């Protein structure tokens, strides 16, 4: 990518973080850390890689996203709002009565959300089924699955990955958010999962590891998944939980995080400065 396109994707990631912050501040608290860690991959997916149409969100042959770590819904909603799937102001209705933006992703409520998620592990099976279904229909579309590292403690995750490899679902791309923290601590303290690259390769995936907060590395890794073949793809995203807002990133227990008015003003000012530097 040239410098202009790199800057556009970086700016998109900042805007995703800004919308995420708007949504969570409107409620007072929410799943901020794990939403911020995937802002960069969402920017590259929706800003460069995926074929989607905001005017026709149910287009059958679109590429599809399953955010299995459904608590990162605020980041997904911000992405969709920035693209025009939903009005930006609607972000401030997060998890309120009557909202179309519940705490966790719900395909029956939100235009542009392709699968309901939230029960950790289940999104992996759903994504594998969607990828298989699209292949059987003869679609060229792909399914992108975002799964958390803490979520990978679930046995269902690895059952789904075994199935995907057995069915040679090269139209499935797994993006594992290795931000190293989960609800109640560091992942290595709760349940170490070992070497993810080796593990995915052993399960029959074509696997790479990248800096998951670097849009250039993400773009190159996703380009590689276009080549098809007879294996599903896995990209291990080496990320920082809370990336983009230093104070959040430096807070160990940032899975659920309070955003009061003071924090909102300070964090938004920092993001606006980042955006100004990128866009001039």
Protein backbone atom coordinates (compact mmCIF):
# COMPACT_ATOMS: atom_id res chain seq x y z
CA UNK A 1 0.00 0.00 0.00
CA UNK A 2 1.12 3.56 -0.59
CA UNK A 3 1.43 6.08 2.22
CA UNK A 4 -1.94 7.71 1.44
CA UNK A 5 -3.86 4.45 1.80
CA UNK A 6 -1.97 3.52 4.96
CA UNK A 7 -2.95 6.86 6.48
CA UNK A 8 -6.58 6.36 5.44
CA UNK A 9 -6.74 3.00 7.20
CA UNK A 10 -5.02 4.40 10.31
CA UNK A 11 -7.50 7.27 10.35
CA UNK A 12 -10.40 4.85 9.96
CA UNK A 13 -9.12 2.90 12.97
CA UNK A 14 -9.00 6.13 15.00
CA UNK A 15 -12.57 6.94 13.97
CA UNK A 16 -13.64 3.45 15.03
CA UNK A 17 -12.08 4.08 18.44
CA UNK A 18 -13.81 7.46 18.68
CA UNK A 19 -17.21 5.94 17.94
CA UNK A 20 -16.55 3.12 20.40
CA UNK A 21 -15.71 5.68 23.07
CA UNK A 22 -18.88 7.67 22.25
CA UNK A 23 -21.02 4.56 22.66
CA UNK A 24 -19.50 3.38 25.93
CA UNK A 25 -19.45 6.89 27.43
CA UNK A 26 -23.17 7.23 26.67
CA UNK A 27 -23.78 4.23 28.92
CA UNK A 28 -21.11 5.09 31.49
CA UNK A 29 -19.14 1.85 31.21
CA UNK A 30 -18.65 -1.11 28.94
CA UNK A 31 -16.26 -3.48 27.23
CA UNK A 32 -13.69 -0.93 26.19
CA UNK A 33 -10.35 -2.78 26.29
CA UNK A 34 -11.26 -5.63 23.96
CA UNK A 35 -13.13 -3.29 21.62
CA UNK A 36 -10.10 -1.03 21.20
CA UNK A 37 -7.76 -3.94 20.48
CA UNK A 38 -9.68 -4.91 17.32
CA UNK A 39 -10.21 -1.41 15.88
CA UNK A 40 -7.25 -1.76 13.50
CA UNK A 41 -8.32 -5.11 12.06
CA UNK A 42 -11.88 -3.83 11.63
CA UNK A 43 -10.50 -0.81 9.75
CA UNK A 44 -8.56 -3.02 7.35
CA UNK A 45 -11.40 -5.52 6.92
CA UNK A 46 -14.09 -2.95 6.17
CA UNK A 47 -11.81 -0.33 4.67
CA UNK A 48 -9.94 -2.59 2.26
CA UNK A 49 -10.63 -6.31 2.34
CA UNK A 50 -14.33 -7.09 2.58
CA UNK A 51 -16.96 -6.66 -0.12
CA UNK A 52 -20.01 -5.19 1.61
CA UNK A 53 -22.75 -2.73 0.68
CA UNK A 54 -24.16 -0.36 3.35
CA UNK A 55 -27.20 0.19 1.13
CA UNK A 56 -27.86 -3.55 0.93
CA UNK A 57 -26.58 -5.07 4.19
CA UNK A 58 -28.34 -8.39 3.55
CA UNK A 59 -26.76 -8.90 0.11
CA UNK A 60 -26.37 -12.72 0.03
CA UNK A 61 -22.97 -12.76 -1.68
CA UNK A 62 -21.31 -10.21 0.61
CA UNK A 63 -18.30 -11.08 2.70
CA UNK A 64 -19.38 -11.72 6.27
CA UNK A 65 -17.97 -10.93 9.70
CA UNK A 66 -18.59 -12.98 12.82
CA UNK A 67 -17.31 -11.21 15.93
CA UNK A 68 -17.41 -14.24 18.19
CA UNK A 69 -16.10 -12.13 21.08
CA UNK A 70 -19.49 -10.44 20.95
CA UNK A 71 -18.75 -8.14 23.88
CA UNK A 72 -16.65 -6.13 21.40
CA UNK A 73 -19.91 -5.12 19.75
CA UNK A 74 -19.27 -1.39 20.37
CA UNK A 75 -16.29 -1.51 17.99
CA UNK A 76 -18.35 -3.33 15.37
CA UNK A 77 -21.19 -0.81 15.72
CA UNK A 78 -18.76 2.09 15.39
CA UNK A 79 -17.35 0.56 12.22
CA UNK A 80 -20.83 0.16 10.75
CA UNK A 81 -21.80 3.70 11.75
CA UNK A 82 -18.70 5.15 10.12
CA UNK A 83 -19.65 3.36 6.89
CA UNK A 84 -23.30 4.44 6.92
CA UNK A 85 -24.98 1.15 7.85
CA UNK A 86 -26.54 2.96 10.82
CA UNK A 87 -26.69 6.65 11.84
CA UNK A 88 -23.62 7.70 13.84
CA UNK A 89 -25.78 9.29 16.56
CA UNK A 90 -27.35 5.89 17.18
CA UNK A 91 -24.11 4.82 18.86
CA UNK A 92 -25.30 6.76 21.91
CA UNK A 93 -28.19 4.31 22.34
CA UNK A 94 -25.86 1.41 23.21
CA UNK A 95 -27.62 -1.17 25.37
CA UNK A 96 -30.57 1.13 26.14
CA UNK A 97 -34.23 0.04 26.09
CA UNK A 98 -35.45 -0.29 22.52
CA UNK A 99 -31.97 0.09 21.01
CA UNK A 100 -30.77 -1.64 17.86
CA UNK A 101 -27.33 -1.82 19.48
CA UNK A 102 -27.39 -4.33 22.33
CA UNK A 103 -24.32 -5.00 24.47
CA UNK A 104 -23.43 -8.01 22.32
CA UNK A 105 -23.88 -8.32 18.55
CA UNK A 106 -27.35 -9.33 17.34
CA UNK A 107 -28.05 -9.91 13.64
CA UNK A 108 -31.79 -9.52 14.17
CA UNK A 109 -31.38 -5.97 15.45
CA UNK A 110 -28.43 -4.27 13.77
CA UNK A 111 -28.08 -3.68 10.00
CA UNK A 112 -24.68 -4.95 8.93
CA UNK A 113 -24.23 -7.45 11.77
CA UNK A 114 -23.99 -10.87 10.12
CA UNK A 115 -24.29 -13.15 13.16
CA UNK A 116 -25.53 -12.97 16.75
CA UNK A 117 -22.74 -13.67 19.23
CA UNK A 118 -21.93 -13.35 22.90
CA UNK A 119 -21.95 -16.89 24.29
CA UNK A 120 -18.21 -17.33 24.01
CA UNK A 121 -17.09 -20.06 21.62
CA UNK A 122 -20.34 -20.36 19.69
CA UNK A 123 -19.39 -17.84 17.02
CA UNK A 124 -16.63 -20.16 15.82
CA UNK A 125 -19.07 -22.94 14.93
CA UNK A 126 -21.45 -20.45 13.35
CA UNK A 127 -18.70 -18.96 11.19
CA UNK A 128 -17.59 -22.39 9.99
CA UNK A 129 -21.18 -23.21 9.07
CA UNK A 130 -21.61 -19.92 7.23
CA UNK A 131 -18.42 -20.47 5.24
CA UNK A 132 -19.53 -23.98 4.30
CA UNK A 133 -23.01 -22.76 3.38
CA UNK A 134 -21.65 -20.05 1.08
CA UNK A 135 -19.39 -22.59 -0.61
CA UNK A 136 -22.30 -24.96 -1.20
CA UNK A 137 -24.26 -22.09 -2.75
CA UNK A 138 -21.39 -21.37 -5.10
CA UNK A 139 -20.70 -17.90 -3.68
CA UNK A 140 -17.23 -16.39 -3.91
CA UNK A 141 -17.74 -14.63 -0.57
CA UNK A 142 -15.57 -15.21 2.49
CA UNK A 143 -16.28 -15.33 6.20
CA UNK A 144 -14.03 -13.50 8.64
CA UNK A 145 -14.11 -14.65 12.26
CA UNK A 146 -12.79 -12.58 15.17
CA UNK A 147 -12.24 -14.70 18.26
CA UNK A 148 -10.69 -13.72 21.59
CA UNK A 149 -7.68 -15.37 23.19
CA UNK A 150 -9.59 -15.82 26.44
CA UNK A 151 -12.46 -17.22 24.42
CA UNK A 152 -10.11 -19.85 23.01
CA UNK A 153 -10.29 -21.56 26.41
CA UNK A 154 -13.62 -22.94 25.19
CA UNK A 155 -13.50 -26.47 23.77
CA UNK A 156 -16.09 -25.62 21.14
CA UNK A 157 -13.58 -23.27 19.51
CA UNK A 158 -11.22 -26.11 18.66
CA UNK A 159 -14.00 -28.45 17.60
CA UNK A 160 -15.08 -25.80 15.08
CA UNK A 161 -11.52 -25.36 13.85
CA UNK A 162 -11.16 -29.13 13.38
CA UNK A 163 -14.35 -29.09 11.31
CA UNK A 164 -13.17 -26.13 9.21
CA UNK A 165 -9.88 -27.85 8.38
CA UNK A 166 -11.60 -31.15 7.60
CA UNK A 167 -13.95 -29.40 5.15
CA UNK A 168 -11.03 -27.43 3.62
CA UNK A 169 -12.78 -24.11 4.18
CA UNK A 170 -10.28 -21.77 2.55
CA UNK A 171 -13.07 -19.15 2.47
CA UNK A 172 -12.82 -18.90 6.28
CA UNK A 173 -10.30 -16.52 7.86
CA UNK A 174 -9.87 -16.74 11.63
CA UNK A 175 -8.51 -13.61 13.32
CA UNK A 176 -7.48 -14.44 16.87
CA UNK A 177 -7.18 -11.34 19.04
CA UNK A 178 -4.17 -12.22 21.18
CA UNK A 179 -4.35 -9.26 23.55
CA UNK A 180 -3.17 -11.44 26.44
CA UNK A 181 -5.87 -10.47 28.94
CA UNK A 182 -9.34 -11.75 29.65
CA UNK A 183 -12.16 -10.94 32.06
CA UNK A 184 -10.34 -11.77 35.28
CA UNK A 185 -6.64 -11.56 34.52
CA UNK A 186 -3.82 -12.37 32.13
CA UNK A 187 -4.58 -15.30 29.84
CA UNK A 188 -1.35 -17.05 30.76
CA UNK A 189 -2.36 -16.96 34.42
CA UNK A 190 -5.94 -18.14 33.84
CA UNK A 191 -5.30 -20.90 31.29
CA UNK A 192 -2.17 -20.84 29.10
CA UNK A 193 -2.89 -21.85 25.50
CA UNK A 194 0.70 -22.22 24.32
CA UNK A 195 1.97 -21.32 20.85
CA UNK A 196 -1.07 -20.30 18.80
CA UNK A 197 0.75 -20.54 15.47
CA UNK A 198 1.87 -24.09 16.18
CA UNK A 199 -1.56 -25.00 17.50
CA UNK A 200 -3.44 -23.69 14.46
CA UNK A 201 -0.95 -25.34 12.10
CA UNK A 202 -1.47 -28.63 13.94
CA UNK A 203 -5.21 -28.24 13.42
CA UNK A 204 -4.67 -27.89 9.67
CA UNK A 205 -4.69 -24.11 9.15
CA UNK A 206 -2.47 -21.85 7.07
CA UNK A 207 -1.25 -19.57 9.87
CA UNK A 208 0.71 -16.35 10.33
CA UNK A 209 1.24 -14.00 13.27
CA UNK A 210 1.28 -10.21 12.84
CA UNK A 211 1.22 -7.00 14.85
CA UNK A 212 -2.55 -6.75 15.13
CA UNK A 213 -2.45 -2.99 15.72
CA UNK A 214 -0.43 -2.34 12.54
CA UNK A 215 -2.62 -1.77 9.49
CA UNK A 216 0.19 -2.49 6.99
CA UNK A 217 0.95 -5.90 8.49
CA UNK A 218 -2.75 -6.67 8.69
CA UNK A 219 -3.31 -5.74 5.05
CA UNK A 220 -0.46 -7.96 3.86
CA UNK A 221 -1.67 -10.91 5.92
CA UNK A 222 -5.22 -10.53 4.65
CA UNK A 223 -4.02 -10.26 1.04
CA UNK A 224 -2.42 -13.66 1.52
CA UNK A 225 -5.78 -15.21 2.40
CA UNK A 226 -7.17 -14.40 -1.06
CA UNK A 227 -5.21 -17.19 -2.72
CA UNK A 228 -7.67 -19.98 -1.86
CA UNK A 229 -6.19 -23.44 -1.55
CA UNK A 230 -7.35 -26.32 0.60
CA UNK A 231 -6.85 -24.91 4.11
CA UNK A 232 -8.68 -22.35 6.24
CA UNK A 233 -6.58 -19.36 7.27
CA UNK A 234 -5.62 -18.12 10.72
CA UNK A 235 -4.03 -14.78 11.53
CA UNK A 236 -2.80 -14.38 15.11
CA UNK A 237 -3.20 -10.72 16.03
CA UNK A 238 -0.54 -9.70 18.54
CA UNK A 239 -2.48 -6.78 20.03
CA UNK A 240 -2.64 -4.55 23.08
CA UNK A 241 -5.88 -4.60 25.01
CA UNK A 242 -6.93 -0.95 25.09
CA UNK A 243 -4.75 0.01 22.10
CA UNK A 244 -5.06 3.61 20.97
CA UNK A 245 -5.79 5.12 24.40
CA UNK A 246 -2.65 4.81 26.55
CA UNK A 247 -4.38 5.14 29.93
CA UNK A 248 -6.76 2.30 29.08
CA UNK A 249 -3.98 0.11 27.70
CA UNK A 250 -1.95 0.60 30.88
CA UNK A 251 -4.87 -0.42 33.11
CA UNK A 252 -4.52 -4.16 33.72
CA UNK A 253 -8.20 -4.84 34.44
CA UNK A 254 -9.68 -3.02 31.46
CA UNK A 255 -12.08 -5.68 30.19
CA UNK A 256 -15.01 -3.63 31.49
CA UNK A 257 -14.15 0.01 31.98
CA UNK A 258 -15.83 3.14 33.32
CA UNK A 259 -15.83 6.15 31.00
CA UNK A 260 -16.97 9.19 32.96
CA UNK A 261 -17.16 12.72 31.54
CA UNK A 262 -13.58 13.58 32.47
CA UNK A 263 -12.13 10.45 30.91
CA UNK A 264 -14.28 10.92 27.84
CA UNK A 265 -12.99 14.45 27.27
CA UNK A 266 -9.36 13.47 27.77
CA UNK A 267 -9.51 10.31 25.70
CA UNK A 268 -11.43 11.96 22.88
CA UNK A 269 -8.94 14.83 22.79
CA UNK A 270 -6.12 12.32 22.38
CA UNK A 271 -7.92 10.52 19.55
CA UNK A 272 -8.73 13.79 17.82
CA UNK A 273 -5.03 14.71 17.97
CA UNK A 274 -4.17 11.37 16.34
CA UNK A 275 -6.72 12.00 13.62
CA UNK A 276 -5.45 15.53 13.01
CA UNK A 277 -1.93 14.20 12.57
CA UNK A 278 -3.12 11.66 10.00
CA UNK A 279 -5.55 13.83 8.07
CA UNK A 280 -4.02 17.29 8.51
